[in-house]
């Protein structure tokens, strides 16, 4: 049987390269992905990359599968108010959810249990079903409000992973820094990879 899908959401924080790299890795490793993009994420992706994902959710999955040369059967995309999406219900929870990058606004909404969009609702499902939820926070500096929201979520079992790459692997390119964060996300999803050299390994 295929493993349960992993929900990957991109919000409007800078750092779309992190989320796109995680998506690329998961699909290349044969992991099914349910992809959620906020409206702001669409703008940030177009600003920071050469990618221009369509606004119609019905076309987004095919667009990313084509760009990443991936099996389109592994990727489903859902709109911000698609309440019939499987990720909206605790009766059909995915294996885990990653929000990468995660904005301060998304963090606030999740901490408050707002569930006004599918991203927020999917995160709420992860919390109530005690499933892994990873927030790759990309905001600096962090205000007291950000910190209070993150502490609240951490106490609920959320993995808070700031997008702050290490340098012990001696990165030579921007892509090496992106891979460092993508590797940490995959580690916490228990997905095997060889993106970076691990500490203490030759």
N, C-alpha and C. Protein backbone atom coordinates (compact mmCIF):
# COMPACT_ATOMS: atom_id res chain seq x y z
N UNK A 1 0.84 -1.20 0.00
CA UNK A 1 0.00 0.00 0.00
C UNK A 1 0.87 1.25 0.00
N UNK A 2 0.40 2.29 -0.70
CA UNK A 2 1.12 3.55 -0.68
C UNK A 2 1.03 4.17 0.70
N UNK A 3 2.09 4.85 1.14
CA UNK A 3 2.02 5.53 2.43
C UNK A 3 1.01 6.66 2.38
N UNK A 4 0.51 7.03 3.56
CA UNK A 4 -0.41 8.16 3.64
C UNK A 4 0.29 9.40 3.11
N UNK A 5 -0.44 10.27 2.43
CA UNK A 5 0.19 11.48 1.89
C UNK A 5 0.73 12.38 2.99
N UNK A 6 1.66 13.22 2.60
CA UNK A 6 2.16 14.28 3.46
C UNK A 6 1.57 15.59 2.94
N UNK A 7 1.02 16.38 3.83
CA UNK A 7 0.49 17.68 3.45
C UNK A 7 1.64 18.69 3.48
N UNK A 8 1.82 19.40 2.38
CA UNK A 8 2.83 20.45 2.30
C UNK A 8 2.13 21.76 1.95
N UNK A 9 2.27 22.74 2.84
CA UNK A 9 1.67 24.05 2.61
C UNK A 9 2.75 25.11 2.49
N UNK A 10 2.57 26.02 1.57
CA UNK A 10 3.45 27.18 1.44
C UNK A 10 2.62 28.43 1.73
N UNK A 11 3.13 29.27 2.63
CA UNK A 11 2.43 30.52 2.94
C UNK A 11 3.26 31.70 2.42
N UNK A 12 2.88 32.91 2.83
CA UNK A 12 3.43 34.09 2.20
C UNK A 12 4.75 34.61 2.73
N UNK A 13 5.41 33.87 3.61
CA UNK A 13 6.73 34.31 4.07
C UNK A 13 7.75 34.15 2.95
N UNK A 14 8.80 34.95 3.00
CA UNK A 14 9.90 34.75 2.07
C UNK A 14 10.54 33.39 2.34
N UNK A 15 11.11 32.80 1.29
CA UNK A 15 11.74 31.49 1.46
C UNK A 15 11.00 30.38 0.75
N UNK A 16 10.32 30.71 -0.35
CA UNK A 16 9.58 29.69 -1.09
C UNK A 16 10.50 28.57 -1.58
N UNK A 17 11.78 28.87 -1.77
CA UNK A 17 12.73 27.84 -2.24
C UNK A 17 12.77 26.66 -1.28
N UNK A 18 12.60 26.91 0.00
CA UNK A 18 12.61 25.81 0.97
C UNK A 18 11.44 24.85 0.71
N UNK A 19 10.25 25.42 0.57
CA UNK A 19 9.09 24.57 0.34
C UNK A 19 9.14 23.85 -0.99
N UNK A 20 9.61 24.54 -2.02
CA UNK A 20 9.71 23.90 -3.34
C UNK A 20 10.73 22.76 -3.32
N UNK A 21 11.80 22.93 -2.57
CA UNK A 21 12.80 21.86 -2.49
C UNK A 21 12.26 20.66 -1.72
N UNK A 22 11.51 20.91 -0.65
CA UNK A 22 10.90 19.80 0.08
C UNK A 22 9.93 19.06 -0.84
N UNK A 23 9.13 19.80 -1.61
CA UNK A 23 8.21 19.18 -2.55
C UNK A 23 8.96 18.32 -3.55
N UNK A 24 10.03 18.86 -4.13
CA UNK A 24 10.84 18.13 -5.09
C UNK A 24 11.36 16.83 -4.49
N UNK A 25 11.90 16.91 -3.27
CA UNK A 25 12.48 15.73 -2.64
C UNK A 25 11.42 14.66 -2.36
N UNK A 26 10.29 15.07 -1.82
CA UNK A 26 9.25 14.10 -1.50
C UNK A 26 8.76 13.37 -2.75
N UNK A 27 8.55 14.12 -3.83
CA UNK A 27 8.07 13.50 -5.06
C UNK A 27 9.12 12.58 -5.66
N UNK A 28 10.38 12.99 -5.63
CA UNK A 28 11.45 12.15 -6.17
C UNK A 28 11.60 10.86 -5.37
N UNK A 29 11.27 10.92 -4.09
CA UNK A 29 11.34 9.74 -3.23
C UNK A 29 10.06 8.92 -3.24
N UNK A 30 9.12 9.32 -4.10
CA UNK A 30 7.90 8.54 -4.28
C UNK A 30 6.86 8.72 -3.20
N UNK A 31 6.95 9.83 -2.46
CA UNK A 31 5.97 10.08 -1.40
C UNK A 31 4.82 10.92 -1.93
N UNK A 32 3.58 10.48 -1.76
CA UNK A 32 2.45 11.29 -2.21
C UNK A 32 2.32 12.57 -1.37
N UNK A 33 1.96 13.65 -2.05
CA UNK A 33 1.90 14.96 -1.41
C UNK A 33 0.56 15.63 -1.72
N UNK A 34 -0.05 16.21 -0.69
CA UNK A 34 -1.20 17.10 -0.87
C UNK A 34 -0.67 18.52 -0.70
N UNK A 35 -0.76 19.32 -1.75
CA UNK A 35 -0.14 20.64 -1.78
C UNK A 35 -1.19 21.73 -1.57
N UNK A 36 -0.86 22.66 -0.65
CA UNK A 36 -1.74 23.79 -0.36
C UNK A 36 -0.93 25.08 -0.49
N UNK A 37 -1.41 26.03 -1.27
CA UNK A 37 -0.74 27.31 -1.44
C UNK A 37 -1.67 28.43 -0.98
N UNK A 38 -1.16 29.31 -0.13
CA UNK A 38 -1.93 30.50 0.20
C UNK A 38 -1.87 31.48 -0.96
N UNK A 39 -2.77 32.46 -0.96
CA UNK A 39 -2.74 33.48 -2.01
C UNK A 39 -1.41 34.23 -1.98
N UNK A 40 -0.93 34.54 -0.76
CA UNK A 40 0.34 35.25 -0.64
C UNK A 40 1.50 34.40 -1.13
N UNK A 41 1.41 33.08 -0.94
CA UNK A 41 2.48 32.19 -1.41
C UNK A 41 2.61 32.27 -2.93
N UNK A 42 1.49 32.37 -3.62
CA UNK A 42 1.52 32.49 -5.08
C UNK A 42 2.35 33.72 -5.48
N UNK A 43 2.14 34.83 -4.78
CA UNK A 43 2.85 36.06 -5.09
C UNK A 43 4.34 35.92 -4.78
N UNK A 44 4.64 35.32 -3.62
CA UNK A 44 6.04 35.19 -3.21
C UNK A 44 6.80 34.26 -4.15
N UNK A 45 6.18 33.16 -4.55
CA UNK A 45 6.84 32.23 -5.48
C UNK A 45 7.18 32.95 -6.78
N UNK A 46 6.24 33.73 -7.29
CA UNK A 46 6.48 34.46 -8.54
C UNK A 46 7.53 35.54 -8.37
N UNK A 47 7.65 36.08 -7.16
CA UNK A 47 8.63 37.13 -6.90
C UNK A 47 10.04 36.57 -6.73
N UNK A 48 10.14 35.42 -6.06
CA UNK A 48 11.45 34.88 -5.69
C UNK A 48 12.01 33.87 -6.67
N UNK A 49 11.18 33.35 -7.57
CA UNK A 49 11.63 32.31 -8.49
C UNK A 49 11.14 32.62 -9.90
N UNK A 50 11.50 31.74 -10.81
CA UNK A 50 11.03 31.84 -12.19
C UNK A 50 9.71 31.10 -12.38
N UNK A 51 9.18 30.54 -11.33
CA UNK A 51 7.96 29.73 -11.41
C UNK A 51 6.74 30.63 -11.40
N UNK A 52 5.72 30.24 -12.15
CA UNK A 52 4.46 30.98 -12.21
C UNK A 52 3.30 29.99 -12.09
N UNK A 53 3.06 29.48 -10.90
CA UNK A 53 1.98 28.50 -10.75
C UNK A 53 0.63 29.11 -11.08
N UNK A 54 -0.25 28.34 -11.69
CA UNK A 54 -1.58 28.86 -12.03
C UNK A 54 -2.40 29.12 -10.79
N UNK A 55 -3.36 30.02 -10.90
CA UNK A 55 -4.21 30.32 -9.75
C UNK A 55 -5.30 29.28 -9.55
N UNK A 56 -5.64 28.55 -10.59
CA UNK A 56 -6.68 27.52 -10.50
C UNK A 56 -6.10 26.29 -9.81
N UNK A 57 -6.63 25.90 -8.65
CA UNK A 57 -6.09 24.74 -7.93
C UNK A 57 -6.13 23.46 -8.76
N UNK A 58 -7.09 23.36 -9.69
CA UNK A 58 -7.19 22.16 -10.51
C UNK A 58 -5.99 21.99 -11.43
N UNK A 59 -5.26 23.08 -11.68
CA UNK A 59 -4.11 23.04 -12.58
C UNK A 59 -2.77 23.04 -11.85
N UNK A 60 -2.78 23.34 -10.56
CA UNK A 60 -1.53 23.50 -9.82
C UNK A 60 -0.76 22.19 -9.73
N UNK A 61 -1.45 21.10 -9.44
CA UNK A 61 -0.76 19.81 -9.31
C UNK A 61 -0.02 19.42 -10.57
N UNK A 62 -0.69 19.56 -11.71
CA UNK A 62 -0.06 19.21 -12.99
C UNK A 62 1.10 20.14 -13.28
N UNK A 63 0.97 21.41 -12.92
CA UNK A 63 2.05 22.38 -13.17
C UNK A 63 3.32 21.99 -12.42
N UNK A 64 3.20 21.71 -11.11
CA UNK A 64 4.38 21.37 -10.33
C UNK A 64 4.94 20.00 -10.71
N UNK A 65 4.07 19.05 -11.01
CA UNK A 65 4.55 17.73 -11.43
C UNK A 65 5.36 17.85 -12.70
N UNK A 66 4.90 18.70 -13.63
CA UNK A 66 5.62 18.90 -14.88
C UNK A 66 6.95 19.60 -14.64
N UNK A 67 6.95 20.64 -13.84
CA UNK A 67 8.19 21.39 -13.57
C UNK A 67 9.23 20.53 -12.86
N UNK A 68 8.76 19.61 -12.02
CA UNK A 68 9.68 18.78 -11.24
C UNK A 68 9.91 17.40 -11.87
N UNK A 69 9.33 17.16 -13.04
CA UNK A 69 9.46 15.88 -13.74
C UNK A 69 9.07 14.73 -12.81
N UNK A 70 7.93 14.91 -12.15
CA UNK A 70 7.47 13.95 -11.16
C UNK A 70 6.22 13.24 -11.66
N UNK A 71 5.92 12.12 -11.04
CA UNK A 71 4.70 11.37 -11.34
C UNK A 71 3.50 12.21 -10.90
N UNK A 72 2.65 12.64 -11.83
CA UNK A 72 1.51 13.49 -11.44
C UNK A 72 0.55 12.78 -10.50
N UNK A 73 0.59 11.45 -10.48
CA UNK A 73 -0.27 10.71 -9.58
C UNK A 73 0.11 10.85 -8.12
N UNK A 74 1.31 11.38 -7.86
CA UNK A 74 1.75 11.56 -6.48
C UNK A 74 1.34 12.89 -5.89
N UNK A 75 0.82 13.80 -6.71
CA UNK A 75 0.61 15.17 -6.25
C UNK A 75 -0.84 15.60 -6.46
N UNK A 76 -1.45 16.03 -5.36
CA UNK A 76 -2.78 16.62 -5.42
C UNK A 76 -2.69 18.04 -4.85
N UNK A 77 -3.40 18.97 -5.45
CA UNK A 77 -3.43 20.34 -4.95
C UNK A 77 -4.88 20.71 -4.65
N UNK A 78 -5.05 21.52 -3.60
CA UNK A 78 -6.38 21.92 -3.18
C UNK A 78 -6.43 23.43 -2.96
N UNK A 79 -7.59 24.01 -3.23
CA UNK A 79 -7.78 25.44 -3.06
C UNK A 79 -7.94 25.83 -1.60
N UNK A 80 -7.81 27.14 -1.34
CA UNK A 80 -7.79 27.62 0.05
C UNK A 80 -9.11 27.43 0.77
N UNK A 81 -10.21 27.22 0.03
CA UNK A 81 -11.51 27.00 0.66
C UNK A 81 -12.15 25.69 0.19
N UNK A 82 -11.33 24.73 -0.16
CA UNK A 82 -11.84 23.43 -0.61
C UNK A 82 -12.11 22.56 0.62
N UNK A 83 -13.27 22.77 1.22
CA UNK A 83 -13.58 22.07 2.48
C UNK A 83 -13.88 20.60 2.28
N UNK A 84 -13.99 20.14 1.04
CA UNK A 84 -14.19 18.71 0.77
C UNK A 84 -12.86 17.98 0.62
N UNK A 85 -11.75 18.69 0.71
CA UNK A 85 -10.43 18.05 0.62
C UNK A 85 -10.24 17.10 1.79
N UNK A 86 -9.61 15.95 1.57
CA UNK A 86 -9.40 15.00 2.66
C UNK A 86 -8.70 15.60 3.87
N UNK A 87 -7.80 16.54 3.64
CA UNK A 87 -7.02 17.11 4.75
C UNK A 87 -7.87 17.94 5.69
N UNK A 88 -9.12 18.24 5.31
CA UNK A 88 -9.99 19.07 6.15
C UNK A 88 -10.68 18.28 7.24
N UNK A 89 -10.52 16.96 7.24
CA UNK A 89 -11.26 16.14 8.20
C UNK A 89 -10.35 15.22 8.99
N UNK A 90 -10.64 15.09 10.27
CA UNK A 90 -9.89 14.17 11.11
C UNK A 90 -10.17 12.72 10.79
N UNK A 91 -11.22 12.45 10.02
CA UNK A 91 -11.50 11.07 9.64
C UNK A 91 -10.59 10.57 8.54
N UNK A 92 -9.82 11.49 7.93
CA UNK A 92 -8.94 11.11 6.84
C UNK A 92 -7.62 11.88 6.95
N UNK A 93 -6.96 11.81 8.11
CA UNK A 93 -5.76 12.63 8.29
C UNK A 93 -4.57 12.09 7.51
N UNK A 94 -3.74 13.01 7.04
CA UNK A 94 -2.50 12.62 6.38
C UNK A 94 -1.45 12.22 7.40
N UNK A 95 -0.36 11.66 6.90
CA UNK A 95 0.68 11.16 7.80
C UNK A 95 1.31 12.29 8.60
N UNK A 96 1.48 13.44 7.98
CA UNK A 96 2.12 14.59 8.63
C UNK A 96 1.83 15.82 7.79
N UNK A 97 2.11 16.98 8.38
CA UNK A 97 1.94 18.24 7.65
C UNK A 97 3.14 19.12 7.89
N UNK A 98 3.60 19.75 6.81
CA UNK A 98 4.70 20.70 6.88
C UNK A 98 4.22 22.02 6.28
N UNK A 99 4.44 23.12 7.00
CA UNK A 99 4.17 24.44 6.45
C UNK A 99 5.53 25.10 6.25
N UNK A 100 5.90 25.28 4.98
CA UNK A 100 7.27 25.66 4.65
C UNK A 100 7.28 26.51 3.38
N UNK A 101 7.51 27.81 3.49
CA UNK A 101 7.77 28.56 4.72
C UNK A 101 6.47 28.88 5.45
N UNK A 102 6.60 29.14 6.75
CA UNK A 102 5.44 29.47 7.57
C UNK A 102 5.55 30.92 8.02
N UNK A 103 4.57 31.71 7.66
CA UNK A 103 4.58 33.13 8.01
C UNK A 103 4.11 33.35 9.44
N UNK A 104 4.37 34.55 9.95
CA UNK A 104 3.86 34.90 11.26
C UNK A 104 2.35 34.91 11.31
N UNK A 105 1.72 35.31 10.21
CA UNK A 105 0.26 35.31 10.14
C UNK A 105 -0.31 33.91 10.22
N UNK A 106 0.30 32.96 9.49
CA UNK A 106 -0.17 31.58 9.54
C UNK A 106 0.03 31.00 10.94
N UNK A 107 1.17 31.30 11.56
CA UNK A 107 1.43 30.83 12.92
C UNK A 107 0.36 31.34 13.87
N UNK A 108 0.03 32.62 13.76
CA UNK A 108 -0.97 33.21 14.63
C UNK A 108 -2.33 32.54 14.46
N UNK A 109 -2.73 32.33 13.22
CA UNK A 109 -4.04 31.72 12.95
C UNK A 109 -4.11 30.31 13.48
N UNK A 110 -3.03 29.55 13.31
CA UNK A 110 -3.02 28.16 13.79
C UNK A 110 -3.04 28.13 15.32
N UNK A 111 -2.28 29.01 15.94
CA UNK A 111 -2.24 29.06 17.41
C UNK A 111 -3.61 29.43 17.97
N UNK A 112 -4.37 30.24 17.23
CA UNK A 112 -5.69 30.67 17.69
C UNK A 112 -6.79 29.68 17.31
N UNK A 113 -6.46 28.67 16.49
CA UNK A 113 -7.47 27.72 16.05
C UNK A 113 -8.47 28.33 15.09
N UNK A 114 -8.02 29.29 14.27
CA UNK A 114 -8.95 30.04 13.43
C UNK A 114 -9.63 29.18 12.38
N UNK A 115 -8.88 28.36 11.64
CA UNK A 115 -9.43 27.47 10.61
C UNK A 115 -10.25 28.20 9.56
N UNK A 116 -9.82 29.40 9.19
CA UNK A 116 -10.54 30.16 8.16
C UNK A 116 -10.15 29.75 6.75
N UNK A 117 -9.01 29.11 6.58
CA UNK A 117 -8.58 28.61 5.27
C UNK A 117 -8.26 27.13 5.40
N UNK A 118 -8.07 26.48 4.25
CA UNK A 118 -7.78 25.05 4.29
C UNK A 118 -6.43 24.78 4.96
N UNK A 119 -5.45 25.66 4.78
CA UNK A 119 -4.16 25.47 5.45
C UNK A 119 -4.35 25.46 6.96
N UNK A 120 -5.09 26.44 7.47
CA UNK A 120 -5.33 26.52 8.91
C UNK A 120 -6.13 25.33 9.40
N UNK A 121 -7.14 24.92 8.65
CA UNK A 121 -7.95 23.77 9.06
C UNK A 121 -7.13 22.49 9.04
N UNK A 122 -6.31 22.31 8.01
CA UNK A 122 -5.48 21.10 7.94
C UNK A 122 -4.52 21.04 9.12
N UNK A 123 -3.95 22.19 9.51
CA UNK A 123 -3.07 22.23 10.67
C UNK A 123 -3.85 21.90 11.94
N UNK A 124 -5.06 22.42 12.05
CA UNK A 124 -5.91 22.13 13.20
C UNK A 124 -6.21 20.63 13.31
N UNK A 125 -6.42 19.99 12.16
CA UNK A 125 -6.64 18.54 12.14
C UNK A 125 -5.42 17.81 12.68
N UNK A 126 -4.24 18.23 12.25
CA UNK A 126 -3.02 17.60 12.74
C UNK A 126 -2.92 17.70 14.27
N UNK A 127 -3.27 18.87 14.80
CA UNK A 127 -3.19 19.08 16.24
C UNK A 127 -4.18 18.19 16.98
N UNK A 128 -5.43 18.17 16.53
CA UNK A 128 -6.43 17.43 17.28
C UNK A 128 -6.28 15.93 17.12
N UNK A 129 -5.66 15.49 16.03
CA UNK A 129 -5.45 14.07 15.81
C UNK A 129 -4.07 13.60 16.28
N UNK A 130 -3.32 14.53 16.90
CA UNK A 130 -1.97 14.21 17.40
C UNK A 130 -1.06 13.66 16.31
N UNK A 131 -1.12 14.31 15.16
CA UNK A 131 -0.25 13.95 14.03
C UNK A 131 0.89 14.96 13.94
N UNK A 132 2.01 14.58 13.32
CA UNK A 132 3.15 15.50 13.22
C UNK A 132 2.82 16.76 12.42
N UNK A 133 3.14 17.90 13.01
CA UNK A 133 2.99 19.19 12.35
C UNK A 133 4.30 19.94 12.49
N UNK A 134 4.88 20.34 11.35
CA UNK A 134 6.18 21.01 11.32
C UNK A 134 5.98 22.40 10.73
N UNK A 135 6.41 23.41 11.46
CA UNK A 135 6.36 24.78 10.96
C UNK A 135 7.78 25.27 10.69
N UNK A 136 8.08 25.53 9.43
CA UNK A 136 9.38 26.07 9.06
C UNK A 136 9.22 27.59 9.04
N UNK A 137 9.48 28.18 10.18
CA UNK A 137 9.22 29.60 10.39
C UNK A 137 10.26 30.45 9.68
N UNK A 138 9.79 31.41 8.89
CA UNK A 138 10.70 32.27 8.13
C UNK A 138 10.29 33.71 8.40
N UNK A 139 10.72 34.21 9.53
CA UNK A 139 10.40 35.57 9.93
C UNK A 139 11.55 36.08 10.79
N UNK A 140 11.96 37.31 10.59
CA UNK A 140 13.01 37.87 11.43
C UNK A 140 12.95 39.39 11.40
N UNK A 141 13.11 40.04 12.55
CA UNK A 141 13.19 39.45 13.88
C UNK A 141 11.82 38.94 14.33
N UNK A 142 11.81 38.19 15.42
CA UNK A 142 10.57 37.66 15.96
C UNK A 142 10.07 38.57 17.08
N UNK A 143 8.82 38.98 16.98
CA UNK A 143 8.24 39.81 18.03
C UNK A 143 7.80 38.93 19.19
N UNK A 144 7.43 39.56 20.29
CA UNK A 144 6.91 38.82 21.43
C UNK A 144 5.65 38.04 21.05
N UNK A 145 4.84 38.62 20.16
CA UNK A 145 3.63 37.91 19.70
C UNK A 145 4.02 36.63 18.97
N UNK A 146 4.99 36.71 18.05
CA UNK A 146 5.46 35.52 17.34
C UNK A 146 5.93 34.48 18.34
N UNK A 147 6.75 34.89 19.28
CA UNK A 147 7.34 33.96 20.23
C UNK A 147 6.28 33.31 21.11
N UNK A 148 5.29 34.09 21.54
CA UNK A 148 4.22 33.52 22.36
C UNK A 148 3.42 32.49 21.57
N UNK A 149 3.13 32.79 20.30
CA UNK A 149 2.39 31.84 19.46
C UNK A 149 3.20 30.56 19.24
N UNK A 150 4.48 30.71 18.98
CA UNK A 150 5.33 29.54 18.74
C UNK A 150 5.48 28.69 20.01
N UNK A 151 5.60 29.35 21.15
CA UNK A 151 5.69 28.61 22.41
C UNK A 151 4.39 27.84 22.67
N UNK A 152 3.27 28.47 22.42
CA UNK A 152 1.98 27.80 22.59
C UNK A 152 1.90 26.55 21.72
N UNK A 153 2.32 26.68 20.46
CA UNK A 153 2.27 25.54 19.55
C UNK A 153 3.29 24.47 19.92
N UNK A 154 4.49 24.89 20.33
CA UNK A 154 5.50 23.91 20.75
C UNK A 154 5.00 23.08 21.93
N UNK A 155 4.29 23.72 22.85
CA UNK A 155 3.75 22.99 24.00
C UNK A 155 2.66 22.01 23.60
N UNK A 156 2.08 22.21 22.41
CA UNK A 156 1.09 21.28 21.89
C UNK A 156 1.72 20.16 21.06
N UNK A 157 3.03 20.16 20.96
CA UNK A 157 3.74 19.11 20.23
C UNK A 157 4.15 19.45 18.82
N UNK A 158 3.93 20.70 18.41
CA UNK A 158 4.34 21.13 17.07
C UNK A 158 5.85 21.26 17.02
N UNK A 159 6.45 20.82 15.93
CA UNK A 159 7.88 21.02 15.70
C UNK A 159 8.08 22.38 15.07
N UNK A 160 8.74 23.28 15.81
CA UNK A 160 9.03 24.62 15.32
C UNK A 160 10.46 24.62 14.79
N UNK A 161 10.59 24.82 13.49
CA UNK A 161 11.88 24.70 12.83
C UNK A 161 12.21 26.00 12.09
N UNK A 162 12.88 26.94 12.73
CA UNK A 162 13.24 28.17 12.03
C UNK A 162 14.11 27.88 10.81
N UNK A 163 13.89 28.62 9.76
CA UNK A 163 14.68 28.43 8.54
C UNK A 163 16.03 29.10 8.71
N UNK A 164 16.85 28.51 9.56
CA UNK A 164 18.19 29.06 9.84
C UNK A 164 19.22 27.96 9.59
N UNK A 165 19.70 27.85 8.36
CA UNK A 165 20.61 26.76 8.00
C UNK A 165 21.95 26.85 8.72
N UNK A 166 22.53 25.68 8.94
CA UNK A 166 23.87 25.62 9.51
C UNK A 166 24.93 25.77 8.43
N UNK A 167 26.17 25.86 8.86
CA UNK A 167 27.27 26.07 7.92
C UNK A 167 28.39 25.04 8.08
N UNK A 168 28.18 24.03 8.95
CA UNK A 168 29.26 23.07 9.16
C UNK A 168 29.48 22.17 7.95
N UNK A 169 28.52 22.13 7.03
CA UNK A 169 28.73 21.34 5.81
C UNK A 169 29.40 22.18 4.71
N UNK A 170 29.85 23.37 5.07
CA UNK A 170 30.59 24.26 4.17
C UNK A 170 29.85 24.49 2.85
N UNK A 171 28.71 25.13 2.93
CA UNK A 171 27.93 25.37 1.71
C UNK A 171 28.69 26.23 0.71
N UNK A 172 28.55 25.88 -0.55
CA UNK A 172 29.20 26.62 -1.63
C UNK A 172 28.20 27.40 -2.47
N UNK A 173 26.93 27.05 -2.35
CA UNK A 173 25.90 27.68 -3.17
C UNK A 173 24.68 27.95 -2.30
N UNK A 174 23.81 28.82 -2.76
CA UNK A 174 22.55 29.05 -2.06
C UNK A 174 21.77 27.75 -1.93
N UNK A 175 21.82 26.93 -2.98
CA UNK A 175 21.10 25.66 -2.96
C UNK A 175 21.55 24.76 -1.81
N UNK A 176 22.82 24.85 -1.41
CA UNK A 176 23.31 24.05 -0.29
C UNK A 176 22.64 24.47 1.01
N UNK A 177 22.37 25.76 1.17
CA UNK A 177 21.69 26.25 2.36
C UNK A 177 20.22 25.81 2.36
N UNK A 178 19.60 25.84 1.18
CA UNK A 178 18.22 25.37 1.06
C UNK A 178 18.15 23.89 1.40
N UNK A 179 19.11 23.12 0.90
CA UNK A 179 19.12 21.68 1.16
C UNK A 179 19.29 21.36 2.64
N UNK A 180 20.01 22.20 3.36
CA UNK A 180 20.18 21.96 4.79
C UNK A 180 18.83 21.96 5.49
N UNK A 181 17.99 22.94 5.19
CA UNK A 181 16.67 23.01 5.82
C UNK A 181 15.77 21.89 5.30
N UNK A 182 15.80 21.65 4.00
CA UNK A 182 14.99 20.56 3.44
C UNK A 182 15.36 19.23 4.08
N UNK A 183 16.64 19.02 4.32
CA UNK A 183 17.09 17.78 4.95
C UNK A 183 16.55 17.64 6.36
N UNK A 184 16.53 18.73 7.12
CA UNK A 184 16.01 18.68 8.48
C UNK A 184 14.51 18.38 8.48
N UNK A 185 13.79 18.93 7.50
CA UNK A 185 12.37 18.63 7.38
C UNK A 185 12.17 17.15 7.10
N UNK A 186 12.92 16.62 6.13
CA UNK A 186 12.79 15.20 5.79
C UNK A 186 13.15 14.31 6.97
N UNK A 187 14.16 14.72 7.75
CA UNK A 187 14.52 13.96 8.95
C UNK A 187 13.32 13.83 9.88
N UNK A 188 12.63 14.94 10.09
CA UNK A 188 11.50 14.93 11.02
C UNK A 188 10.26 14.24 10.45
N UNK A 189 10.25 14.02 9.15
CA UNK A 189 9.20 13.23 8.51
C UNK A 189 9.57 11.75 8.42
N UNK A 190 10.78 11.42 8.91
CA UNK A 190 11.30 10.04 8.82
C UNK A 190 11.38 9.57 7.37
N UNK A 191 11.80 10.49 6.50
CA UNK A 191 12.00 10.18 5.08
C UNK A 191 13.50 10.14 4.82
N UNK A 192 13.99 9.00 4.35
CA UNK A 192 15.42 8.83 4.09
C UNK A 192 15.86 9.71 2.92
N UNK A 193 17.05 10.27 3.04
CA UNK A 193 17.58 11.14 1.99
C UNK A 193 19.10 11.20 2.11
N UNK A 194 19.73 11.81 1.10
CA UNK A 194 21.18 12.02 1.14
C UNK A 194 21.50 13.45 0.70
N UNK A 195 20.68 14.39 1.16
CA UNK A 195 20.84 15.77 0.72
C UNK A 195 22.13 16.40 1.22
N UNK A 196 22.48 16.12 2.47
CA UNK A 196 23.66 16.76 3.04
C UNK A 196 24.49 15.73 3.79
N UNK A 197 25.74 16.07 4.01
CA UNK A 197 26.60 15.24 4.83
C UNK A 197 26.24 15.46 6.30
N UNK A 198 26.01 14.38 7.02
CA UNK A 198 25.59 14.50 8.42
C UNK A 198 26.78 14.76 9.32
N UNK A 199 26.52 15.43 10.42
CA UNK A 199 27.56 15.76 11.38
C UNK A 199 28.24 14.49 11.87
N UNK A 200 29.57 14.48 11.85
CA UNK A 200 30.34 13.35 12.33
C UNK A 200 30.56 12.25 11.31
N UNK A 201 29.97 12.38 10.12
CA UNK A 201 30.16 11.38 9.08
C UNK A 201 31.26 11.86 8.13
N UNK A 202 32.07 10.94 7.63
CA UNK A 202 33.15 11.34 6.71
C UNK A 202 32.59 11.83 5.37
